[in-house]
C-alpha cells in the first residue's frame, strides 16, 4: 500500500475540523461576523429566499430564524455534527 493511500482527502480534513468546532462554532462565528459584516447580513440574505431553497454548508443553522414562512428549505453540510446542531436549532424554532 502506498503512503498516499492513508492520506486524508481535503474534504475529510475539513469535515474533521468542523466536527470538532460544531459545539462552539456559533459563538466564535458571531464574534467575527459582527466585526466583519455587521449584524444584518444574514437577515438581508435570507430575506431574498423564496420557494424551494437549498442552503449549502448550512452548518449549525444560524440562518434558520431569518427565512420567511413560505420558504421550503433544504440544508446540506459536509459535517454530520454541524447538521445535528442545525436540527436542534430547527426544532427549537418549530
Protein backbone atom coordinates (compact mmCIF):
# COMPACT_ATOMS: atom_id res chain seq x y z
CA UNK A 1 0.00 0.00 0.00
CA UNK A 2 1.38 3.41 -0.93
CA UNK A 3 1.83 6.17 1.71
CA UNK A 4 -0.71 8.28 -0.21
CA UNK A 5 -3.44 5.70 0.43
CA UNK A 6 -3.50 6.70 4.13
CA UNK A 7 -3.61 10.44 3.48
CA UNK A 8 -6.96 12.09 4.22
CA UNK A 9 -8.67 13.94 1.39
CA UNK A 10 -9.08 17.73 1.67
CA UNK A 11 -12.81 17.23 2.30
CA UNK A 12 -12.10 14.77 5.10
CA UNK A 13 -9.65 17.21 6.71
CA UNK A 14 -12.31 19.95 6.63
CA UNK A 15 -15.00 17.58 7.88
CA UNK A 16 -12.86 16.61 10.87
CA UNK A 17 -12.09 20.26 11.65
CA UNK A 18 -15.74 21.35 11.59
CA UNK A 19 -16.80 18.26 13.51
CA UNK A 20 -14.58 19.46 16.34
CA UNK A 21 -15.90 23.02 16.04
CA UNK A 22 -19.63 22.22 15.95
CA UNK A 23 -20.43 22.95 19.60
CA UNK A 24 -18.54 26.25 19.80
CA UNK A 25 -18.96 27.37 16.18
CA UNK A 26 -21.88 29.77 16.79
CA UNK A 27 -20.12 31.74 19.49
CA UNK A 28 -16.87 32.10 17.55
CA UNK A 29 -18.69 32.91 14.29
CA UNK A 30 -20.79 35.59 15.97
CA UNK A 31 -17.67 37.38 17.20
CA UNK A 32 -16.06 37.56 13.75
CA UNK A 33 -19.21 38.18 11.74
CA UNK A 34 -20.19 41.22 13.80
CA UNK A 35 -16.75 42.73 13.20
CA UNK A 36 -16.51 41.87 9.51
CA UNK A 37 -20.08 42.11 8.24
CA UNK A 38 -22.24 43.82 10.87
CA UNK A 39 -25.34 42.24 12.32
CA UNK A 40 -27.77 42.44 9.40
CA UNK A 41 -26.12 40.33 6.69
CA UNK A 42 -27.95 37.09 7.50
CA UNK A 43 -31.32 38.85 7.60
CA UNK A 44 -30.61 40.52 4.26
CA UNK A 45 -29.51 37.30 2.52
CA UNK A 46 -32.30 35.09 3.87
CA UNK A 47 -35.00 37.66 3.13
CA UNK A 48 -34.31 37.14 -0.58
CA UNK A 49 -35.04 33.39 -0.49
CA UNK A 50 -38.38 32.21 -1.89
CA UNK A 51 -39.97 28.84 -2.58
CA UNK A 52 -37.71 25.80 -2.64
CA UNK A 53 -34.33 26.90 -1.31
CA UNK A 54 -31.10 24.97 -0.86
CA UNK A 55 -28.63 26.23 1.70
CA UNK A 56 -25.23 24.70 1.00
CA UNK A 57 -22.98 24.44 4.07
CA UNK A 58 -25.86 25.16 6.44
CA UNK A 59 -23.55 24.50 9.37
CA UNK A 60 -25.34 24.89 12.69
CA UNK A 61 -28.33 26.58 11.08
CA UNK A 62 -27.55 30.16 12.09
CA UNK A 63 -29.67 31.40 9.18
CA UNK A 64 -32.78 29.40 10.10
CA UNK A 65 -34.55 32.14 12.10
CA UNK A 66 -34.22 34.55 9.19
CA UNK A 67 -36.10 32.66 6.46
CA UNK A 68 -39.71 33.62 5.80
CA UNK A 69 -42.51 31.14 6.50
CA UNK A 70 -43.05 30.46 2.77
CA UNK A 71 -39.55 29.11 2.18
CA UNK A 72 -39.21 25.32 1.86
CA UNK A 73 -35.61 24.96 2.99
CA UNK A 74 -33.24 22.07 2.46
CA UNK A 75 -29.88 22.37 4.16
CA UNK A 76 -26.80 20.28 3.45
CA UNK A 77 -23.42 20.19 5.13
CA UNK A 78 -20.26 18.14 4.94
CA UNK A 79 -20.28 17.55 8.69
CA UNK A 80 -22.92 15.45 10.49
CA UNK A 81 -22.01 17.17 13.77
CA UNK A 82 -22.92 20.57 12.29
CA UNK A 83 -26.17 19.16 10.89
CA UNK A 84 -27.04 17.83 14.35
CA UNK A 85 -26.71 21.35 15.74
CA UNK A 86 -28.86 22.71 12.88
CA UNK A 87 -31.52 20.10 13.63
CA UNK A 88 -31.61 21.16 17.28
CA UNK A 89 -31.99 24.78 16.19
CA UNK A 90 -34.74 23.89 13.69
CA UNK A 91 -36.70 22.01 16.34
CA UNK A 92 -36.40 24.90 18.79
CA UNK A 93 -37.82 27.22 16.12
CA UNK A 94 -40.73 24.90 15.41
